[in-house]
């Protein structure tokens, strides 16, 4: 547990990004925690923190979210979470760390592009992206970029995109945390780490929301994606070093 203090600056930075953009906390924080913890521990800690931090954001999000889209995404996530749980359970830790970073990098590159091979208004598209996000959330805490990719393909405003994502993550991460705890993939590290990190994370999220309300971004893409790419590359470098030593 003494290693938890090393990840606090990463958690604070990730929480500011979360408060400002509506996503990014789990993607950034899980790579940082993977430097010191096994993926099973990292995913549980990150999802628990992100869930608690989202409580500060839900009131404003309820007023701005698109609920027809939200319901379809949540239904998909319910289908996807058991799939992600199996990945977390059966893939070796060091391999999973590399796969997490590769997936984050690939998703970020996809988000940078204008490639949209689907109709964002179709119900099957919404359910499909919800399923993929649920599987990514439960297995590696990387469900966020999949939903961002969908949102950037929709015709919703930036504020509505952000609000819908916030409420989706509250629902999907809550279900994923329950699944991890009930499946016995967590230990006493989880409550201890959450108790140490939650207050700094909550303050950082509040500050990020203040920045959003003061000066909203013209696009979520230009703000969060470069950060995701850098984090993924650093995580990949560290994971490859661990695998070769």
C-alpha atoms as a PDB file:
ATOM      1  CA  UNK A   1       0.000   0.000   0.000  1.00  0.00           C
ATOM      2  CA  UNK A   2       2.954   2.365   0.376  1.00  0.00           C
ATOM      3  CA  UNK A   3       3.059   2.461  -3.432  1.00  0.00           C
ATOM      4  CA  UNK A   4      -0.332   4.165  -3.543  1.00  0.00           C
ATOM      5  CA  UNK A   5       1.293   7.545  -2.839  1.00  0.00           C
ATOM      6  CA  UNK A   6       3.248   7.302  -6.088  1.00  0.00           C
ATOM      7  CA  UNK A   7       0.055   7.101  -8.148  1.00  0.00           C
ATOM      8  CA  UNK A   8      -1.741   9.993  -6.438  1.00  0.00           C
ATOM      9  CA  UNK A   9      -0.476  12.669  -8.905  1.00  0.00           C
ATOM     10  CA  UNK A  10      -1.656  10.483 -11.798  1.00  0.00           C
ATOM     11  CA  UNK A  11      -5.078  10.068 -10.200  1.00  0.00           C
ATOM     12  CA  UNK A  12      -5.389  13.821  -9.592  1.00  0.00           C
ATOM     13  CA  UNK A  13      -4.463  14.619 -13.194  1.00  0.00           C
ATOM     14  CA  UNK A  14      -6.872  11.978 -14.520  1.00  0.00           C
ATOM     15  CA  UNK A  15      -9.660  13.354 -12.319  1.00  0.00           C
ATOM     16  CA  UNK A  16      -9.182  16.893 -13.696  1.00  0.00           C
ATOM     17  CA  UNK A  17      -9.468  15.492 -17.233  1.00  0.00           C
ATOM     18  CA  UNK A  18     -12.614  13.599 -16.178  1.00  0.00           C
ATOM     19  CA  UNK A  19     -14.267  16.664 -14.695  1.00  0.00           C
ATOM     20  CA  UNK A  20     -13.488  18.744 -17.761  1.00  0.00           C
ATOM     21  CA  UNK A  21     -14.205  16.355 -20.622  1.00  0.00           C
ATOM     22  CA  UNK A  22     -16.609  13.861 -19.025  1.00  0.00           C
ATOM     23  CA  UNK A  23     -14.295  10.922 -19.732  1.00  0.00           C
ATOM     24  CA  UNK A  24     -10.642   9.902 -19.581  1.00  0.00           C
ATOM     25  CA  UNK A  25     -10.175   9.174 -15.878  1.00  0.00           C
ATOM     26  CA  UNK A  26     -10.190   5.389 -16.120  1.00  0.00           C
ATOM     27  CA  UNK A  27      -8.048   5.243 -19.275  1.00  0.00           C
ATOM     28  CA  UNK A  28      -5.339   7.475 -17.799  1.00  0.00           C
ATOM     29  CA  UNK A  29      -5.435   6.193 -14.221  1.00  0.00           C
ATOM     30  CA  UNK A  30      -5.424   2.464 -15.035  1.00  0.00           C
ATOM     31  CA  UNK A  31      -2.135   2.760 -16.941  1.00  0.00           C
ATOM     32  CA  UNK A  32      -0.581   4.600 -13.984  1.00  0.00           C
ATOM     33  CA  UNK A  33      -1.818   2.083 -11.440  1.00  0.00           C
ATOM     34  CA  UNK A  34      -0.656  -0.821 -13.611  1.00  0.00           C
ATOM     35  CA  UNK A  35       2.904   0.356 -12.977  1.00  0.00           C
ATOM     36  CA  UNK A  36       2.485  -0.670  -9.330  1.00  0.00           C
ATOM     37  CA  UNK A  37      -0.465  -3.108  -9.118  1.00  0.00           C
ATOM     38  CA  UNK A  38      -1.821  -6.163 -10.891  1.00  0.00           C
ATOM     39  CA  UNK A  39      -4.534  -5.372 -13.492  1.00  0.00           C
ATOM     40  CA  UNK A  40      -7.259  -6.952 -11.339  1.00  0.00           C
ATOM     41  CA  UNK A  41      -6.437  -4.529  -8.516  1.00  0.00           C
ATOM     42  CA  UNK A  42      -5.907  -1.549 -10.822  1.00  0.00           C
ATOM     43  CA  UNK A  43      -9.224  -2.003 -12.613  1.00  0.00           C
ATOM     44  CA  UNK A  44     -11.191  -2.355  -9.369  1.00  0.00           C
ATOM     45  CA  UNK A  45      -9.550   0.711  -7.776  1.00  0.00           C
ATOM     46  CA  UNK A  46      -9.934   2.894 -10.874  1.00  0.00           C
ATOM     47  CA  UNK A  47     -13.557   1.957 -11.502  1.00  0.00           C
ATOM     48  CA  UNK A  48     -14.471   2.536  -7.843  1.00  0.00           C
ATOM     49  CA  UNK A  49     -12.811   5.969  -7.841  1.00  0.00           C
ATOM     50  CA  UNK A  50     -14.360   6.969 -11.163  1.00  0.00           C
ATOM     51  CA  UNK A  51     -17.780   5.884  -9.946  1.00  0.00           C
ATOM     52  CA  UNK A  52     -17.511   7.907  -6.730  1.00  0.00           C
ATOM     53  CA  UNK A  53     -16.126  10.937  -8.567  1.00  0.00           C
ATOM     54  CA  UNK A  54     -19.028  10.863 -11.009  1.00  0.00           C
ATOM     55  CA  UNK A  55     -21.468  11.542  -8.179  1.00  0.00           C
ATOM     56  CA  UNK A  56     -20.349  15.178  -8.284  1.00  0.00           C
ATOM     57  CA  UNK A  57     -21.291  15.385 -11.958  1.00  0.00           C
ATOM     58  CA  UNK A  58     -24.637  13.612 -12.188  1.00  0.00           C
ATOM     59  CA  UNK A  59     -26.978  16.498 -11.285  1.00  0.00           C
ATOM     60  CA  UNK A  60     -25.837  18.654 -14.177  1.00  0.00           C
ATOM     61  CA  UNK A  61     -25.646  15.613 -16.463  1.00  0.00           C
ATOM     62  CA  UNK A  62     -29.285  14.624 -15.839  1.00  0.00           C
ATOM     63  CA  UNK A  63     -30.412  17.985 -17.221  1.00  0.00           C
ATOM     64  CA  UNK A  64     -28.396  17.656 -20.436  1.00  0.00           C
ATOM     65  CA  UNK A  65     -28.245  13.933 -21.288  1.00  0.00           C
ATOM     66  CA  UNK A  66     -30.017  12.193 -24.173  1.00  0.00           C
ATOM     67  CA  UNK A  67     -31.930   9.435 -22.353  1.00  0.00           C
ATOM     68  CA  UNK A  68     -33.137   7.382 -25.360  1.00  0.00           C
ATOM     69  CA  UNK A  69     -29.497   6.911 -26.383  1.00  0.00           C
ATOM     70  CA  UNK A  70     -28.435   6.326 -22.775  1.00  0.00           C
ATOM     71  CA  UNK A  71     -30.904   3.471 -22.271  1.00  0.00           C
ATOM     72  CA  UNK A  72     -29.672   1.587 -25.341  1.00  0.00           C
ATOM     73  CA  UNK A  73     -26.022   2.010 -24.325  1.00  0.00           C
ATOM     74  CA  UNK A  74     -26.687   0.725 -20.792  1.00  0.00           C
ATOM     75  CA  UNK A  75     -28.552  -2.308 -22.139  1.00  0.00           C
ATOM     76  CA  UNK A  76     -25.526  -3.132 -24.287  1.00  0.00           C
ATOM     77  CA  UNK A  77     -23.168  -2.691 -21.319  1.00  0.00           C
ATOM     78  CA  UNK A  78     -25.164  -5.208 -19.278  1.00  0.00           C
ATOM     79  CA  UNK A  79     -24.532  -7.752 -22.043  1.00  0.00           C
ATOM     80  CA  UNK A  80     -20.829  -6.879 -22.332  1.00  0.00           C
ATOM     81  CA  UNK A  81     -19.705  -6.831 -18.703  1.00  0.00           C
ATOM     82  CA  UNK A  82     -19.651 -10.663 -18.259  1.00  0.00           C
ATOM     83  CA  UNK A  83     -17.464 -10.936 -21.379  1.00  0.00           C
ATOM     84  CA  UNK A  84     -14.962  -8.441 -19.964  1.00  0.00           C
ATOM     85  CA  UNK A  85     -14.967 -10.243 -16.632  1.00  0.00           C
ATOM     86  CA  UNK A  86     -13.842 -13.453 -18.387  1.00  0.00           C
ATOM     87  CA  UNK A  87     -10.975 -11.585 -20.087  1.00  0.00           C
ATOM     88  CA  UNK A  88      -9.774 -10.230 -16.739  1.00  0.00           C
ATOM     89  CA  UNK A  89     -10.002 -13.645 -15.149  1.00  0.00           C
ATOM     90  CA  UNK A  90      -8.133 -15.694 -17.754  1.00  0.00           C
ATOM     91  CA  UNK A  91      -5.540 -13.431 -19.442  1.00  0.00           C
ATOM     92  CA  UNK A  92      -2.114 -13.296 -17.643  1.00  0.00           C
ATOM     93  CA  UNK A  93      -1.409  -9.991 -15.872  1.00  0.00           C
ATOM     94  CA  UNK A  94       1.618  -8.818 -17.882  1.00  0.00           C
ATOM     95  CA  UNK A  95      -0.026  -9.685 -21.195  1.00  0.00           C
ATOM     96  CA  UNK A  96      -3.192  -7.886 -20.137  1.00  0.00           C
ATOM     97  CA  UNK A  97      -1.205  -4.727 -19.306  1.00  0.00           C
ATOM     98  CA  UNK A  98       0.199  -4.650 -22.845  1.00  0.00           C
ATOM     99  CA  UNK A  99      -3.199  -5.355 -24.387  1.00  0.00           C
ATOM    100  CA  UNK A 100      -4.758  -2.519 -22.364  1.00  0.00           C
ATOM    101  CA  UNK A 101      -2.230  -0.006 -23.713  1.00  0.00           C
ATOM    102  CA  UNK A 102      -2.483  -1.301 -27.277  1.00  0.00           C
ATOM    103  CA  UNK A 103      -6.285  -1.063 -27.118  1.00  0.00           C
ATOM    104  CA  UNK A 104      -6.150   2.508 -25.759  1.00  0.00           C
ATOM    105  CA  UNK A 105      -3.733   3.549 -28.507  1.00  0.00           C
ATOM    106  CA  UNK A 106      -5.818   1.893 -31.220  1.00  0.00           C
ATOM    107  CA  UNK A 107      -9.020   3.498 -29.998  1.00  0.00           C
ATOM    108  CA  UNK A 108      -7.377   6.905 -29.773  1.00  0.00           C
ATOM    109  CA  UNK A 109      -6.144   6.593 -33.359  1.00  0.00           C
ATOM    110  CA  UNK A 110      -9.650   5.608 -34.441  1.00  0.00           C
ATOM    111  CA  UNK A 111     -11.063   8.642 -32.666  1.00  0.00           C
ATOM    112  CA  UNK A 112      -8.563  10.925 -34.404  1.00  0.00           C
ATOM    113  CA  UNK A 113      -9.796   9.692 -37.771  1.00  0.00           C
ATOM    114  CA  UNK A 114     -13.063  10.584 -39.491  1.00  0.00           C
ATOM    115  CA  UNK A 115     -13.825   6.903 -40.188  1.00  0.00           C
ATOM    116  CA  UNK A 116     -17.444   6.175 -39.183  1.00  0.00           C
ATOM    117  CA  UNK A 117     -18.605   2.847 -40.716  1.00  0.00           C
ATOM    118  CA  UNK A 118     -22.048   2.868 -39.084  1.00  0.00           C
ATOM    119  CA  UNK A 119     -25.284   4.777 -38.580  1.00  0.00           C
ATOM    120  CA  UNK A 120     -25.131   6.306 -35.104  1.00  0.00           C
ATOM    121  CA  UNK A 121     -28.938   6.641 -34.944  1.00  0.00           C
ATOM    122  CA  UNK A 122     -29.604   2.902 -35.246  1.00  0.00           C
ATOM    123  CA  UNK A 123     -30.550   1.068 -32.040  1.00  0.00           C
ATOM    124  CA  UNK A 124     -28.255  -1.857 -32.890  1.00  0.00           C
ATOM    125  CA  UNK A 125     -25.334   0.572 -33.166  1.00  0.00           C
ATOM    126  CA  UNK A 126     -26.039   1.998 -29.726  1.00  0.00           C
ATOM    127  CA  UNK A 127     -26.417  -1.453 -28.168  1.00  0.00           C
ATOM    128  CA  UNK A 128     -23.272  -2.686 -29.928  1.00  0.00           C
ATOM    129  CA  UNK A 129     -21.143   0.167 -28.629  1.00  0.00           C
ATOM    130  CA  UNK A 130     -22.618  -0.273 -25.161  1.00  0.00           C
ATOM    131  CA  UNK A 131     -21.675  -3.965 -25.265  1.00  0.00           C
ATOM    132  CA  UNK A 132     -18.111  -3.185 -26.389  1.00  0.00           C
ATOM    133  CA  UNK A 133     -17.755  -0.524 -23.710  1.00  0.00           C
ATOM    134  CA  UNK A 134     -19.101  -2.827 -20.995  1.00  0.00           C
ATOM    135  CA  UNK A 135     -16.612  -5.539 -21.959  1.00  0.00           C
ATOM    136  CA  UNK A 136     -13.764  -3.017 -22.071  1.00  0.00           C
ATOM    137  CA  UNK A 137     -14.745  -1.509 -18.729  1.00  0.00           C
ATOM    138  CA  UNK A 138     -14.946  -4.804 -16.847  1.00  0.00           C
ATOM    139  CA  UNK A 139     -11.750  -6.245 -18.327  1.00  0.00           C
ATOM    140  CA  UNK A 140      -9.404  -3.272 -18.464  1.00  0.00           C
ATOM    141  CA  UNK A 141     -11.148  -0.019 -17.506  1.00  0.00           C
ATOM    142  CA  UNK A 142     -11.037   1.105 -21.157  1.00  0.00           C
ATOM    143  CA  UNK A 143     -14.720   1.307 -22.004  1.00  0.00           C
ATOM    144  CA  UNK A 144     -14.619   5.108 -22.227  1.00  0.00           C
ATOM    145  CA  UNK A 145     -12.965   5.576 -25.642  1.00  0.00           C
ATOM    146  CA  UNK A 146     -15.525   3.291 -27.285  1.00  0.00           C
ATOM    147  CA  UNK A 147     -18.374   5.465 -26.061  1.00  0.00           C
ATOM    148  CA  UNK A 148     -16.476   8.624 -27.012  1.00  0.00           C
ATOM    149  CA  UNK A 149     -16.025   7.223 -30.529  1.00  0.00           C
ATOM    150  CA  UNK A 150     -19.769   6.672 -30.738  1.00  0.00           C
ATOM    151  CA  UNK A 151     -20.579  10.111 -29.335  1.00  0.00           C
ATOM    152  CA  UNK A 152     -18.279  11.892 -31.780  1.00  0.00           C
ATOM    153  CA  UNK A 153     -20.175  10.121 -34.560  1.00  0.00           C
ATOM    154  CA  UNK A 154     -23.573  11.283 -33.295  1.00  0.00           C
ATOM    155  CA  UNK A 155     -25.353  14.534 -33.968  1.00  0.00           C
ATOM    156  CA  UNK A 156     -25.577  15.443 -30.271  1.00  0.00           C
ATOM    157  CA  UNK A 157     -24.092  18.684 -28.983  1.00  0.00           C
ATOM    158  CA  UNK A 158     -20.840  18.642 -27.002  1.00  0.00           C
ATOM    159  CA  UNK A 159     -22.688  19.287 -23.730  1.00  0.00           C
ATOM    160  CA  UNK A 160     -25.191  16.488 -24.431  1.00  0.00           C
ATOM    161  CA  UNK A 161     -22.400  14.089 -25.403  1.00  0.00           C
ATOM    162  CA  UNK A 162     -20.566  14.815 -22.152  1.00  0.00           C
ATOM    163  CA  UNK A 163     -23.695  14.459 -20.003  1.00  0.00           C
ATOM    164  CA  UNK A 164     -24.785  11.198 -21.628  1.00  0.00           C
ATOM    165  CA  UNK A 165     -21.311   9.726 -21.166  1.00  0.00           C
ATOM    166  CA  UNK A 166     -21.228  10.722 -17.490  1.00  0.00           C
ATOM    167  CA  UNK A 167     -24.518   8.929 -16.736  1.00  0.00           C
ATOM    168  CA  UNK A 168     -23.509   5.901 -18.818  1.00  0.00           C
ATOM    169  CA  UNK A 169     -20.234   5.537 -16.937  1.00  0.00           C
ATOM    170  CA  UNK A 170     -22.015   5.764 -13.574  1.00  0.00           C
ATOM    171  CA  UNK A 171     -24.266   2.861 -14.570  1.00  0.00           C
ATOM    172  CA  UNK A 172     -21.712   0.669 -16.356  1.00  0.00           C
ATOM    173  CA  UNK A 173     -18.912   1.159 -13.822  1.00  0.00           C
ATOM    174  CA  UNK A 174     -21.271   0.467 -10.935  1.00  0.00           C
ATOM    175  CA  UNK A 175     -22.263  -2.841 -12.519  1.00  0.00           C
ATOM    176  CA  UNK A 176     -18.623  -3.711 -13.277  1.00  0.00           C
ATOM    177  CA  UNK A 177     -17.466  -3.016  -9.704  1.00  0.00           C
ATOM    178  CA  UNK A 178     -20.252  -5.196  -8.311  1.00  0.00           C
ATOM    179  CA  UNK A 179     -19.204  -7.955 -10.716  1.00  0.00           C
ATOM    180  CA  UNK A 180     -15.528  -7.755  -9.672  1.00  0.00           C
ATOM    181  CA  UNK A 181     -16.304  -7.754  -5.945  1.00  0.00           C
ATOM    182  CA  UNK A 182     -18.828 -10.589  -6.159  1.00  0.00           C
ATOM    183  CA  UNK A 183     -16.381 -12.613  -8.268  1.00  0.00           C
ATOM    184  CA  UNK A 184     -13.644 -12.383  -5.620  1.00  0.00           C
ATOM    185  CA  UNK A 185     -11.164 -10.455  -7.805  1.00  0.00           C
ATOM    186  CA  UNK A 186     -10.596  -7.784  -5.144  1.00  0.00           C
ATOM    187  CA  UNK A 187      -8.948  -7.850  -1.719  1.00  0.00           C
ATOM    188  CA  UNK A 188      -8.324  -5.464   1.181  1.00  0.00           C
ATOM    189  CA  UNK A 189      -6.238  -3.265  -1.131  1.00  0.00           C
ATOM    190  CA  UNK A 190      -9.417  -1.891  -2.745  1.00  0.00           C
ATOM    191  CA  UNK A 191     -11.045  -0.104   0.235  1.00  0.00           C
ATOM    192  CA  UNK A 192      -7.682   1.136   1.549  1.00  0.00           C
ATOM    193  CA  UNK A 193      -6.655   2.603  -1.795  1.00  0.00           C
ATOM    194  CA  UNK A 194     -10.055   4.198  -2.365  1.00  0.00           C
ATOM    195  CA  UNK A 195     -10.012   5.825   1.078  1.00  0.00           C
ATOM    196  CA  UNK A 196      -6.592   7.367   0.407  1.00  0.00           C
ATOM    197  CA  UNK A 197      -7.300   8.556  -3.127  1.00  0.00           C
ATOM    198  CA  UNK A 198     -10.961   9.571  -3.090  1.00  0.00           C
ATOM    199  CA  UNK A 199     -10.700  13.043  -1.529  1.00  0.00           C
ATOM    200  CA  UNK A 200      -7.934  14.309  -3.871  1.00  0.00           C
ATOM    201  CA  UNK A 201      -9.826  12.802  -6.810  1.00  0.00           C
ATOM    202  CA  UNK A 202     -13.121  14.461  -5.835  1.00  0.00           C
ATOM    203  CA  UNK A 203     -11.445  17.862  -5.485  1.00  0.00           C
ATOM    204  CA  UNK A 204      -9.724  17.415  -8.846  1.00  0.00           C
ATOM    205  CA  UNK A 205     -12.988  16.437 -10.594  1.00  0.00           C
ATOM    206  CA  UNK A 206     -14.707  19.487  -9.124  1.00  0.00           C
ATOM    207  CA  UNK A 207     -11.901  21.671 -10.438  1.00  0.00           C
ATOM    208  CA  UNK A 208     -12.190  20.070 -13.878  1.00  0.00           C
ATOM    209  CA  UNK A 209     -15.936  20.743 -13.924  1.00  0.00           C
ATOM    210  CA  UNK A 210     -15.273  24.356 -12.942  1.00  0.00           C
ATOM    211  CA  UNK A 211     -12.906  24.683 -15.905  1.00  0.00           C
ATOM    212  CA  UNK A 212     -15.534  23.150 -18.225  1.00  0.00           C
ATOM    213  CA  UNK A 213     -18.254  25.556 -17.087  1.00  0.00           C
ATOM    214  CA  UNK A 214     -15.857  28.493 -17.410  1.00  0.00           C
ATOM    215  CA  UNK A 215     -14.561  27.587 -20.869  1.00  0.00           C
ATOM    216  CA  UNK A 216     -16.075  24.494 -22.548  1.00  0.00           C
ATOM    217  CA  UNK A 217     -13.968  22.849 -25.284  1.00  0.00           C
ATOM    218  CA  UNK A 218     -15.122  23.227 -28.869  1.00  0.00           C
ATOM    219  CA  UNK A 219     -14.431  19.505 -29.285  1.00  0.00           C
ATOM    220  CA  UNK A 220     -13.761  16.708 -26.804  1.00  0.00           C
ATOM    221  CA  UNK A 221     -11.433  15.171 -29.388  1.00  0.00           C
ATOM    222  CA  UNK A 222      -8.801  17.913 -29.380  1.00  0.00           C
ATOM    223  CA  UNK A 223      -8.496  17.938 -25.589  1.00  0.00           C
ATOM    224  CA  UNK A 224      -8.446  14.362 -24.347  1.00  0.00           C
ATOM    225  CA  UNK A 225      -7.114  12.279 -27.234  1.00  0.00           C
ATOM    226  CA  UNK A 226      -3.493  13.531 -27.187  1.00  0.00           C
ATOM    227  CA  UNK A 227      -3.380  12.701 -23.476  1.00  0.00           C
ATOM    228  CA  UNK A 228      -4.681   9.177 -24.147  1.00  0.00           C
ATOM    229  CA  UNK A 229      -2.008   8.586 -26.795  1.00  0.00           C
ATOM    230  CA  UNK A 230       0.856   9.698 -24.544  1.00  0.00           C
ATOM    231  CA  UNK A 231      -0.415   7.609 -21.621  1.00  0.00           C
ATOM    232  CA  UNK A 232      -0.804   4.517 -23.821  1.00  0.00           C
ATOM    233  CA  UNK A 233       2.714   4.850 -25.259  1.00  0.00           C
ATOM    234  CA  UNK A 234       4.269   5.250 -21.811  1.00  0.00           C
ATOM    235  CA  UNK A 235       2.343   2.252 -20.522  1.00  0.00           C
ATOM    236  CA  UNK A 236       3.385   0.135 -23.499  1.00  0.00           C
ATOM    237  CA  UNK A 237       7.039   1.016 -23.007  1.00  0.00           C
ATOM    238  CA  UNK A 238       6.888   0.051 -19.336  1.00  0.00           C
ATOM    239  CA  UNK A 239       5.017  -3.185 -20.052  1.00  0.00           C
ATOM    240  CA  UNK A 240       7.474  -4.293 -22.736  1.00  0.00           C
ATOM    241  CA  UNK A 241      10.394  -3.606 -20.389  1.00  0.00           C
ATOM    242  CA  UNK A 242       8.713  -5.770 -17.727  1.00  0.00           C
ATOM    243  CA  UNK A 243       8.138  -8.582 -20.209  1.00  0.00           C
ATOM    244  CA  UNK A 244      11.755  -8.614 -21.418  1.00  0.00           C
ATOM    245  CA  UNK A 245      13.439  -8.460 -17.995  1.00  0.00           C
END
